[in-house]
Amino acid sequence: MPLRGAQPERLAFTALSDALAVAWRGLITYRRVPQLLVFSTIQPVVFVLMFRYVFGGAIHVPGVNYVNFLMPGIFVQTSVFGAIGTAIGLAADVKSGLLERFLSLPMARSAVLTGRTVADLGRNVFVVVLMSGVGFLVGFRVQTNAFKFVAAMLLVLAFGYALSWVFGTLGLLLRDPESAQAAAFPIMAPLVFASSAFVPVATMPGWLQPFADHQPVSVTASAARALTLGTPATSYLLQSIGWIVGILLVFIPLAVWRYRRAV
């Protein structure tokens, strides 16, 4: 823990250094246990192939090639699924006693949570880049330009990072990796599947459309889609940024509060 009386610049540098050390620990885990990274990439690839070649023929989006409609939703779905790893990882650290060890070390308290979420962001970057390659192979084409495509991917990654704090809080609350994984699905499923990620909201029942139109996965997928297709993006972009900022403002303090009481 930083010494009392230390300069603010020194405290900030220490917190950053500690967070990077924890993030590096998380990234090393993927190198030592590559199965974690392999299985986190297989699932979104399966979704792409399934929706592109199995369900794609039955789904018609007026004026848009379905694969171009689909891929932005797949990017968002991948970031949501990736955020669940934060819940599982933190729950495993609590159960193994590692967080108790971290609390006893002279390190910034914020470093453990920040480092963990940054490591999971790094994994999401890898997976999103891979999924972009898969998308281009199956026919996905950006209708705007490279700048807007990169902006769409940054928005997707920012959304996944915000969700890491949500699921990280869940992992700290449940303190068991199996329970955290099981509890994440009831949160994840309505957000991903009752959204505009895979089908237009207009095809859903009327009572479901208000939720599907405005929930965070939908507006982020719609914003990313608008940036890649060239349709009006401002409204969706502002809504998505609002959700990201709101989630971070609520769940960063909540996760830190729960972390201090996790051991």
C-alpha atoms as a PDB file:
ATOM      1  CA  MET A   1       0.000   0.000   0.000  1.00  0.00           C
ATOM      2  CA  PRO A   2       1.412   3.472  -0.835  1.00  0.00           C
ATOM      3  CA  LEU A   3       2.993   5.328   2.060  1.00  0.00           C
ATOM      4  CA  ARG A   4       1.172   8.180   3.735  1.00  0.00           C
ATOM      5  CA  GLY A   5       2.423  11.587   2.746  1.00  0.00           C
ATOM      6  CA  ALA A   6       3.533  10.437  -0.690  1.00  0.00           C
ATOM      7  CA  GLN A   7       3.116  12.906  -3.537  1.00  0.00           C
ATOM      8  CA  PRO A   8      -0.013  12.483  -5.696  1.00  0.00           C
ATOM      9  CA  GLU A   9       2.156  11.885  -8.761  1.00  0.00           C
ATOM     10  CA  ARG A  10       3.991   9.126  -6.937  1.00  0.00           C
ATOM     11  CA  LEU A  11       0.721   7.545  -5.789  1.00  0.00           C
ATOM     12  CA  ALA A  12      -0.653   7.608  -9.347  1.00  0.00           C
ATOM     13  CA  PHE A  13       2.537   6.068 -10.725  1.00  0.00           C
ATOM     14  CA  THR A  14       2.466   3.328  -8.076  1.00  0.00           C
ATOM     15  CA  ALA A  15      -1.187   2.517  -8.771  1.00  0.00           C
ATOM     16  CA  LEU A  16      -0.513   2.381 -12.516  1.00  0.00           C
ATOM     17  CA  SER A  17       2.557   0.198 -12.056  1.00  0.00           C
ATOM     18  CA  ASP A  18       0.683  -2.198  -9.780  1.00  0.00           C
ATOM     19  CA  ALA A  19      -2.280  -2.377 -12.168  1.00  0.00           C
ATOM     20  CA  LEU A  20       0.011  -3.174 -15.105  1.00  0.00           C
ATOM     21  CA  ALA A  21       1.711  -5.904 -13.067  1.00  0.00           C
ATOM     22  CA  VAL A  22      -1.651  -7.522 -12.295  1.00  0.00           C
ATOM     23  CA  ALA A  23      -2.724  -7.145 -15.933  1.00  0.00           C
ATOM     24  CA  TRP A  24       0.497  -8.828 -17.076  1.00  0.00           C
ATOM     25  CA  ARG A  25      -0.198 -11.681 -14.665  1.00  0.00           C
ATOM     26  CA  GLY A  26      -3.608 -12.135 -16.285  1.00  0.00           C
ATOM     27  CA  LEU A  27      -2.172 -12.104 -19.800  1.00  0.00           C
ATOM     28  CA  ILE A  28       0.534 -14.605 -18.850  1.00  0.00           C
ATOM     29  CA  THR A  29      -2.248 -16.967 -17.777  1.00  0.00           C
ATOM     30  CA  TYR A  30      -3.427 -17.156 -21.394  1.00  0.00           C
ATOM     31  CA  ARG A  31       0.097 -18.011 -22.529  1.00  0.00           C
ATOM     32  CA  ARG A  32       0.504 -20.727 -19.912  1.00  0.00           C
ATOM     33  CA  VAL A  33      -3.021 -22.083 -20.336  1.00  0.00           C
ATOM     34  CA  PRO A  34      -3.711 -21.453 -24.046  1.00  0.00           C
ATOM     35  CA  GLN A  35      -6.912 -23.500 -23.849  1.00  0.00           C
ATOM     36  CA  LEU A  36      -8.567 -20.485 -22.176  1.00  0.00           C
ATOM     37  CA  LEU A  37      -7.889 -18.327 -25.219  1.00  0.00           C
ATOM     38  CA  VAL A  38      -8.665 -21.075 -27.717  1.00  0.00           C
ATOM     39  CA  PHE A  39     -12.097 -21.829 -26.285  1.00  0.00           C
ATOM     40  CA  SER A  40     -12.938 -18.122 -25.938  1.00  0.00           C
ATOM     41  CA  THR A  41     -12.365 -17.767 -29.700  1.00  0.00           C
ATOM     42  CA  ILE A  42     -14.033 -20.970 -30.888  1.00  0.00           C
ATOM     43  CA  GLN A  43     -17.479 -19.989 -29.611  1.00  0.00           C
ATOM     44  CA  PRO A  44     -17.787 -16.691 -31.548  1.00  0.00           C
ATOM     45  CA  VAL A  45     -16.426 -18.373 -34.697  1.00  0.00           C
ATOM     46  CA  VAL A  46     -19.154 -21.012 -34.356  1.00  0.00           C
ATOM     47  CA  PHE A  47     -21.762 -18.250 -33.990  1.00  0.00           C
ATOM     48  CA  VAL A  48     -20.514 -16.546 -37.156  1.00  0.00           C
ATOM     49  CA  LEU A  49     -20.617 -19.744 -39.203  1.00  0.00           C
ATOM     50  CA  MET A  50     -23.981 -20.809 -37.785  1.00  0.00           C
ATOM     51  CA  PHE A  51     -25.758 -17.515 -38.399  1.00  0.00           C
ATOM     52  CA  ARG A  52     -24.017 -16.927 -41.729  1.00  0.00           C
ATOM     53  CA  TYR A  53     -24.665 -20.322 -43.289  1.00  0.00           C
ATOM     54  CA  VAL A  54     -27.440 -21.985 -41.242  1.00  0.00           C
ATOM     55  CA  PHE A  55     -29.830 -19.231 -40.122  1.00  0.00           C
ATOM     56  CA  GLY A  56     -28.742 -16.503 -42.531  1.00  0.00           C
ATOM     57  CA  GLY A  57     -30.850 -17.794 -45.398  1.00  0.00           C
ATOM     58  CA  ALA A  58     -34.007 -17.483 -43.311  1.00  0.00           C
ATOM     59  CA  ILE A  59     -33.266 -13.970 -42.008  1.00  0.00           C
ATOM     60  CA  HIS A  60     -33.869 -11.079 -44.390  1.00  0.00           C
ATOM     61  CA  VAL A  61     -32.895  -7.498 -43.633  1.00  0.00           C
ATOM     62  CA  PRO A  62     -34.297  -5.083 -46.224  1.00  0.00           C
ATOM     63  CA  GLY A  63     -31.585  -3.318 -48.177  1.00  0.00           C
ATOM     64  CA  VAL A  64     -28.675  -4.937 -46.316  1.00  0.00           C
ATOM     65  CA  ASN A  65     -26.640  -8.055 -46.977  1.00  0.00           C
ATOM     66  CA  TYR A  66     -27.242 -10.155 -43.840  1.00  0.00           C
ATOM     67  CA  VAL A  67     -23.559 -10.810 -43.163  1.00  0.00           C
ATOM     68  CA  ASN A  68     -22.961  -7.041 -43.020  1.00  0.00           C
ATOM     69  CA  PHE A  69     -25.860  -6.753 -40.559  1.00  0.00           C
ATOM     70  CA  LEU A  70     -24.642  -9.725 -38.535  1.00  0.00           C
ATOM     71  CA  MET A  71     -20.959  -9.020 -37.913  1.00  0.00           C
ATOM     72  CA  PRO A  72     -21.306  -5.863 -35.763  1.00  0.00           C
ATOM     73  CA  GLY A  73     -23.690  -7.840 -33.560  1.00  0.00           C
ATOM     74  CA  ILE A  74     -21.172 -10.683 -33.358  1.00  0.00           C
ATOM     75  CA  PHE A  75     -18.479  -8.226 -32.264  1.00  0.00           C
ATOM     76  CA  VAL A  76     -20.706  -7.000 -29.413  1.00  0.00           C
ATOM     77  CA  GLN A  77     -21.750 -10.530 -28.462  1.00  0.00           C
ATOM     78  CA  THR A  78     -18.072 -11.527 -28.318  1.00  0.00           C
ATOM     79  CA  SER A  79     -17.276  -8.651 -25.958  1.00  0.00           C
ATOM     80  CA  VAL A  80     -20.198  -9.603 -23.696  1.00  0.00           C
ATOM     81  CA  PHE A  81     -19.138 -13.238 -23.514  1.00  0.00           C
ATOM     82  CA  GLY A  82     -15.537 -12.171 -22.905  1.00  0.00           C
ATOM     83  CA  ALA A  83     -16.552 -10.032 -19.934  1.00  0.00           C
ATOM     84  CA  ILE A  84     -17.804 -13.131 -18.133  1.00  0.00           C
ATOM     85  CA  GLY A  85     -14.160 -14.174 -17.774  1.00  0.00           C
ATOM     86  CA  THR A  86     -13.715 -11.336 -15.278  1.00  0.00           C
ATOM     87  CA  ALA A  87     -16.390 -12.834 -13.018  1.00  0.00           C
ATOM     88  CA  ILE A  88     -14.873 -16.301 -13.205  1.00  0.00           C
ATOM     89  CA  GLY A  89     -11.308 -15.085 -12.699  1.00  0.00           C
ATOM     90  CA  LEU A  90     -12.048 -12.887  -9.692  1.00  0.00           C
ATOM     91  CA  ALA A  91     -14.247 -15.557  -8.094  1.00  0.00           C
ATOM     92  CA  ALA A  92     -11.413 -18.067  -8.516  1.00  0.00           C
ATOM     93  CA  ASP A  93      -8.949 -15.631  -6.933  1.00  0.00           C
ATOM     94  CA  VAL A  94     -11.256 -15.162  -3.934  1.00  0.00           C
ATOM     95  CA  LYS A  95     -11.784 -18.898  -3.526  1.00  0.00           C
ATOM     96  CA  SER A  96      -8.044 -19.674  -3.750  1.00  0.00           C
ATOM     97  CA  GLY A  97      -7.100 -17.009  -1.200  1.00  0.00           C
ATOM     98  CA  LEU A  98      -5.093 -14.990  -3.717  1.00  0.00           C
ATOM     99  CA  LEU A  99      -7.047 -11.792  -3.074  1.00  0.00           C
ATOM    100  CA  GLU A 100      -6.243 -12.097   0.613  1.00  0.00           C
ATOM    101  CA  ARG A 101      -2.573 -12.266  -0.350  1.00  0.00           C
ATOM    102  CA  PHE A 102      -2.948  -9.196  -2.567  1.00  0.00           C
ATOM    103  CA  LEU A 103      -4.524  -7.252   0.299  1.00  0.00           C
ATOM    104  CA  SER A 104      -1.511  -8.031   2.485  1.00  0.00           C
ATOM    105  CA  LEU A 105       0.968  -6.688  -0.088  1.00  0.00           C
ATOM    106  CA  PRO A 106       2.187  -3.061  -0.270  1.00  0.00           C
ATOM    107  CA  MET A 107       0.246  -2.339  -3.457  1.00  0.00           C
ATOM    108  CA  ALA A 108      -2.550  -0.039  -4.523  1.00  0.00           C
ATOM    109  CA  ARG A 109      -5.973  -1.464  -3.683  1.00  0.00           C
ATOM    110  CA  SER A 110      -7.305  -0.402  -7.082  1.00  0.00           C
ATOM    111  CA  ALA A 111      -4.623  -2.374  -8.930  1.00  0.00           C
ATOM    112  CA  VAL A 112      -6.207  -5.818  -8.619  1.00  0.00           C
ATOM    113  CA  LEU A 113      -9.528  -4.893 -10.206  1.00  0.00           C
ATOM    114  CA  THR A 114      -8.061  -2.495 -12.757  1.00  0.00           C
ATOM    115  CA  GLY A 115      -5.365  -4.976 -13.744  1.00  0.00           C
ATOM    116  CA  ARG A 116      -7.834  -7.807 -14.111  1.00  0.00           C
ATOM    117  CA  THR A 117     -10.213  -5.788 -16.295  1.00  0.00           C
ATOM    118  CA  VAL A 118      -7.323  -4.499 -18.435  1.00  0.00           C
ATOM    119  CA  ALA A 119      -6.084  -8.069 -18.970  1.00  0.00           C
ATOM    120  CA  ASP A 120      -9.560  -9.113 -20.084  1.00  0.00           C
ATOM    121  CA  LEU A 121      -9.670  -6.064 -22.367  1.00  0.00           C
ATOM    122  CA  GLY A 122      -6.431  -7.290 -23.930  1.00  0.00           C
ATOM    123  CA  ARG A 123      -8.015 -10.675 -24.575  1.00  0.00           C
ATOM    124  CA  ASN A 124     -11.059  -8.980 -26.119  1.00  0.00           C
ATOM    125  CA  VAL A 125      -8.795  -7.010 -28.457  1.00  0.00           C
ATOM    126  CA  PHE A 126      -7.266 -10.253 -29.710  1.00  0.00           C
ATOM    127  CA  VAL A 127     -10.649 -11.941 -30.150  1.00  0.00           C
ATOM    128  CA  VAL A 128     -12.240  -8.949 -31.922  1.00  0.00           C
ATOM    129  CA  VAL A 129      -9.295  -8.739 -34.339  1.00  0.00           C
ATOM    130  CA  LEU A 130      -9.628 -12.467 -35.016  1.00  0.00           C
ATOM    131  CA  MET A 131     -13.385 -12.165 -35.529  1.00  0.00           C
ATOM    132  CA  SER A 132     -12.825  -9.304 -37.964  1.00  0.00           C
ATOM    133  CA  GLY A 133     -10.659 -11.616 -40.038  1.00  0.00           C
ATOM    134  CA  VAL A 134     -13.276 -14.364 -39.894  1.00  0.00           C
ATOM    135  CA  GLY A 135     -15.963 -11.869 -40.872  1.00  0.00           C
ATOM    136  CA  PHE A 136     -14.051 -10.702 -43.929  1.00  0.00           C
ATOM    137  CA  LEU A 137     -13.507 -14.326 -44.948  1.00  0.00           C
ATOM    138  CA  VAL A 138     -17.259 -15.066 -44.889  1.00  0.00           C
ATOM    139  CA  GLY A 139     -18.186 -11.967 -46.873  1.00  0.00           C
ATOM    140  CA  PHE A 140     -18.385  -9.071 -44.403  1.00  0.00           C
ATOM    141  CA  ARG A 141     -17.550  -5.750 -46.036  1.00  0.00           C
ATOM    142  CA  VAL A 142     -17.276  -2.304 -44.454  1.00  0.00           C
ATOM    143  CA  GLN A 143     -19.456   0.165 -46.374  1.00  0.00           C
ATOM    144  CA  THR A 144     -17.839   3.321 -44.943  1.00  0.00           C
ATOM    145  CA  ASN A 145     -14.098   3.648 -44.319  1.00  0.00           C
ATOM    146  CA  ALA A 146     -11.301   2.335 -42.111  1.00  0.00           C
ATOM    147  CA  PHE A 147     -11.616   5.192 -39.600  1.00  0.00           C
ATOM    148  CA  LYS A 148     -15.280   4.459 -38.887  1.00  0.00           C
ATOM    149  CA  PHE A 149     -14.606   0.727 -38.714  1.00  0.00           C
ATOM    150  CA  VAL A 150     -11.874   1.300 -36.105  1.00  0.00           C
ATOM    151  CA  ALA A 151     -14.231   3.636 -34.214  1.00  0.00           C
ATOM    152  CA  ALA A 152     -16.874   0.884 -34.184  1.00  0.00           C
ATOM    153  CA  MET A 153     -14.366  -1.641 -32.812  1.00  0.00           C
ATOM    154  CA  LEU A 154     -13.184   0.797 -30.118  1.00  0.00           C
ATOM    155  CA  LEU A 155     -16.798   1.324 -29.073  1.00  0.00           C
ATOM    156  CA  VAL A 156     -17.329  -2.440 -28.852  1.00  0.00           C
ATOM    157  CA  LEU A 157     -14.164  -2.851 -26.761  1.00  0.00           C
ATOM    158  CA  ALA A 158     -15.165   0.005 -24.448  1.00  0.00           C
ATOM    159  CA  PHE A 159     -18.543  -1.647 -23.940  1.00  0.00           C
ATOM    160  CA  GLY A 160     -16.892  -4.979 -23.150  1.00  0.00           C
ATOM    161  CA  TYR A 161     -14.583  -3.238 -20.671  1.00  0.00           C
ATOM    162  CA  ALA A 162     -17.569  -1.662 -18.894  1.00  0.00           C
ATOM    163  CA  LEU A 163     -19.275  -5.052 -18.656  1.00  0.00           C
ATOM    164  CA  SER A 164     -16.103  -6.514 -17.130  1.00  0.00           C
ATOM    165  CA  TRP A 165     -16.799  -4.371 -14.070  1.00  0.00           C
ATOM    166  CA  VAL A 166     -20.388  -5.643 -13.916  1.00  0.00           C
ATOM    167  CA  PHE A 167     -19.368  -9.295 -14.063  1.00  0.00           C
ATOM    168  CA  GLY A 168     -16.331  -8.646 -11.860  1.00  0.00           C
ATOM    169  CA  THR A 169     -18.684  -7.390  -9.155  1.00  0.00           C
ATOM    170  CA  LEU A 170     -20.754 -10.543  -9.623  1.00  0.00           C
ATOM    171  CA  GLY A 171     -17.663 -12.733  -9.206  1.00  0.00           C
ATOM    172  CA  LEU A 172     -16.684 -10.949  -5.985  1.00  0.00           C
ATOM    173  CA  LEU A 173     -20.200 -11.364  -4.620  1.00  0.00           C
ATOM    174  CA  LEU A 174     -20.477 -15.092  -5.359  1.00  0.00           C
ATOM    175  CA  ARG A 175     -16.842 -16.037  -4.573  1.00  0.00           C
ATOM    176  CA  ASP A 176     -17.045 -19.275  -6.558  1.00  0.00           C
ATOM    177  CA  PRO A 177     -16.142 -19.595 -10.267  1.00  0.00           C
ATOM    178  CA  GLU A 178     -18.809 -22.189 -11.106  1.00  0.00           C
ATOM    179  CA  SER A 179     -21.529 -20.131  -9.425  1.00  0.00           C
ATOM    180  CA  ALA A 180     -20.306 -16.953 -11.110  1.00  0.00           C
ATOM    181  CA  GLN A 181     -20.444 -18.592 -14.540  1.00  0.00           C
ATOM    182  CA  ALA A 182     -23.929 -19.985 -13.886  1.00  0.00           C
ATOM    183  CA  ALA A 183     -25.232 -16.657 -12.569  1.00  0.00           C
ATOM    184  CA  ALA A 184     -23.811 -14.716 -15.514  1.00  0.00           C
ATOM    185  CA  PHE A 185     -25.990 -16.523 -18.074  1.00  0.00           C
ATOM    186  CA  PRO A 186     -29.387 -15.149 -16.869  1.00  0.00           C
ATOM    187  CA  ILE A 187     -27.894 -11.656 -17.163  1.00  0.00           C
ATOM    188  CA  MET A 188     -26.181 -12.251 -20.475  1.00  0.00           C
ATOM    189  CA  ALA A 189     -28.877 -14.176 -22.370  1.00  0.00           C
ATOM    190  CA  PRO A 190     -31.661 -11.536 -22.392  1.00  0.00           C
ATOM    191  CA  LEU A 191     -29.185  -8.791 -23.258  1.00  0.00           C
ATOM    192  CA  VAL A 192     -27.630 -10.678 -26.189  1.00  0.00           C
ATOM    193  CA  PHE A 193     -30.576 -12.542 -27.667  1.00  0.00           C
ATOM    194  CA  ALA A 194     -33.329  -9.961 -27.040  1.00  0.00           C
ATOM    195  CA  SER A 195     -31.353  -7.360 -28.949  1.00  0.00           C
ATOM    196  CA  SER A 196     -30.594  -6.138 -32.436  1.00  0.00           C
ATOM    197  CA  ALA A 197     -27.374  -8.168 -32.524  1.00  0.00           C
ATOM    198  CA  PHE A 198     -28.720 -10.895 -34.821  1.00  0.00           C
ATOM    199  CA  VAL A 199     -32.123  -9.757 -36.097  1.00  0.00           C
ATOM    200  CA  PRO A 200     -33.894  -6.413 -36.616  1.00  0.00           C
ATOM    201  CA  VAL A 201     -35.876  -5.298 -33.585  1.00  0.00           C
ATOM    202  CA  ALA A 202     -38.905  -4.688 -35.821  1.00  0.00           C
ATOM    203  CA  THR A 203     -39.315  -8.466 -36.245  1.00  0.00           C
ATOM    204  CA  MET A 204     -39.820  -8.979 -32.502  1.00  0.00           C
ATOM    205  CA  PRO A 205     -43.183  -8.922 -30.653  1.00  0.00           C
ATOM    206  CA  GLY A 206     -44.456  -5.428 -29.921  1.00  0.00           C
ATOM    207  CA  TRP A 207     -44.202  -5.827 -26.151  1.00  0.00           C
ATOM    208  CA  LEU A 208     -40.511  -6.737 -26.446  1.00  0.00           C
ATOM    209  CA  GLN A 209     -39.454  -3.999 -28.844  1.00  0.00           C
ATOM    210  CA  PRO A 210     -39.137  -1.107 -26.317  1.00  0.00           C
ATOM    211  CA  PHE A 211     -36.691  -3.152 -24.225  1.00  0.00           C
ATOM    212  CA  ALA A 212     -34.811  -4.450 -27.257  1.00  0.00           C
ATOM    213  CA  ASP A 213     -34.545  -0.971 -28.769  1.00  0.00           C
ATOM    214  CA  HIS A 214     -32.934   0.724 -25.788  1.00  0.00           C
ATOM    215  CA  GLN A 215     -30.966  -1.892 -23.852  1.00  0.00           C
ATOM    216  CA  PRO A 216     -27.156  -1.525 -23.970  1.00  0.00           C
ATOM    217  CA  VAL A 217     -26.306  -4.459 -26.236  1.00  0.00           C
ATOM    218  CA  SER A 218     -28.802  -3.285 -28.854  1.00  0.00           C
ATOM    219  CA  VAL A 219     -27.694   0.325 -28.958  1.00  0.00           C
ATOM    220  CA  THR A 220     -24.013  -0.659 -29.069  1.00  0.00           C
ATOM    221  CA  ALA A 221     -24.610  -3.187 -31.859  1.00  0.00           C
ATOM    222  CA  SER A 222     -26.712  -0.638 -33.741  1.00  0.00           C
ATOM    223  CA  ALA A 223     -24.045   2.059 -33.302  1.00  0.00           C
ATOM    224  CA  ALA A 224     -21.283  -0.266 -34.550  1.00  0.00           C
ATOM    225  CA  ARG A 225     -23.511  -1.339 -37.444  1.00  0.00           C
ATOM    226  CA  ALA A 226     -24.292   2.244 -38.406  1.00  0.00           C
ATOM    227  CA  LEU A 227     -20.593   3.119 -38.386  1.00  0.00           C
ATOM    228  CA  THR A 228     -19.777   0.233 -40.719  1.00  0.00           C
ATOM    229  CA  LEU A 229     -22.847   0.503 -43.001  1.00  0.00           C
ATOM    230  CA  GLY A 230     -22.935   4.282 -43.281  1.00  0.00           C
ATOM    231  CA  THR A 231     -26.423   4.746 -41.812  1.00  0.00           C
ATOM    232  CA  PRO A 232     -27.162   7.521 -39.252  1.00  0.00           C
ATOM    233  CA  ALA A 233     -25.138   6.710 -36.144  1.00  0.00           C
ATOM    234  CA  THR A 234     -25.375   9.726 -33.818  1.00  0.00           C
ATOM    235  CA  SER A 235     -28.368   8.640 -31.727  1.00  0.00           C
ATOM    236  CA  TYR A 236     -27.140   5.086 -31.206  1.00  0.00           C
ATOM    237  CA  LEU A 237     -23.606   6.311 -30.547  1.00  0.00           C
ATOM    238  CA  LEU A 238     -24.717   8.732 -27.845  1.00  0.00           C
ATOM    239  CA  GLN A 239     -26.927   6.094 -26.212  1.00  0.00           C
ATOM    240  CA  SER A 240     -24.106   3.546 -26.214  1.00  0.00           C
ATOM    241  CA  ILE A 241     -21.604   5.997 -24.732  1.00  0.00           C
ATOM    242  CA  GLY A 242     -24.193   6.938 -22.119  1.00  0.00           C
ATOM    243  CA  TRP A 243     -24.619   3.271 -21.147  1.00  0.00           C
ATOM    244  CA  ILE A 244     -20.847   2.748 -20.976  1.00  0.00           C
ATOM    245  CA  VAL A 245     -20.272   5.791 -18.782  1.00  0.00           C
ATOM    246  CA  GLY A 246     -23.257   4.957 -16.572  1.00  0.00           C
ATOM    247  CA  ILE A 247     -22.139   1.360 -16.069  1.00  0.00           C
ATOM    248  CA  LEU A 248     -18.615   2.441 -15.138  1.00  0.00           C
ATOM    249  CA  LEU A 249     -19.858   5.113 -12.714  1.00  0.00           C
ATOM    250  CA  VAL A 250     -22.051   2.579 -10.917  1.00  0.00           C
ATOM    251  CA  PHE A 251     -19.978  -0.586 -10.978  1.00  0.00           C
ATOM    252  CA  ILE A 252     -16.404   0.635 -10.444  1.00  0.00           C
ATOM    253  CA  PRO A 253     -17.226   1.951  -6.929  1.00  0.00           C
ATOM    254  CA  LEU A 254     -19.430  -1.080  -6.266  1.00  0.00           C
ATOM    255  CA  ALA A 255     -16.684  -3.512  -7.310  1.00  0.00           C
ATOM    256  CA  VAL A 256     -14.075  -1.693  -5.194  1.00  0.00           C
ATOM    257  CA  TRP A 257     -16.430  -1.716  -2.205  1.00  0.00           C
ATOM    258  CA  ARG A 258     -17.067  -5.431  -2.618  1.00  0.00           C
ATOM    259  CA  TYR A 259     -13.352  -6.168  -3.146  1.00  0.00           C
ATOM    260  CA  ARG A 260     -12.510  -4.610   0.233  1.00  0.00           C
ATOM    261  CA  ARG A 261     -14.990  -6.985   1.867  1.00  0.00           C
ATOM    262  CA  ALA A 262     -14.203 -10.070  -0.191  1.00  0.00           C
ATOM    263  CA  VAL A 263     -11.670 -11.519   2.252  1.00  0.00           C
END
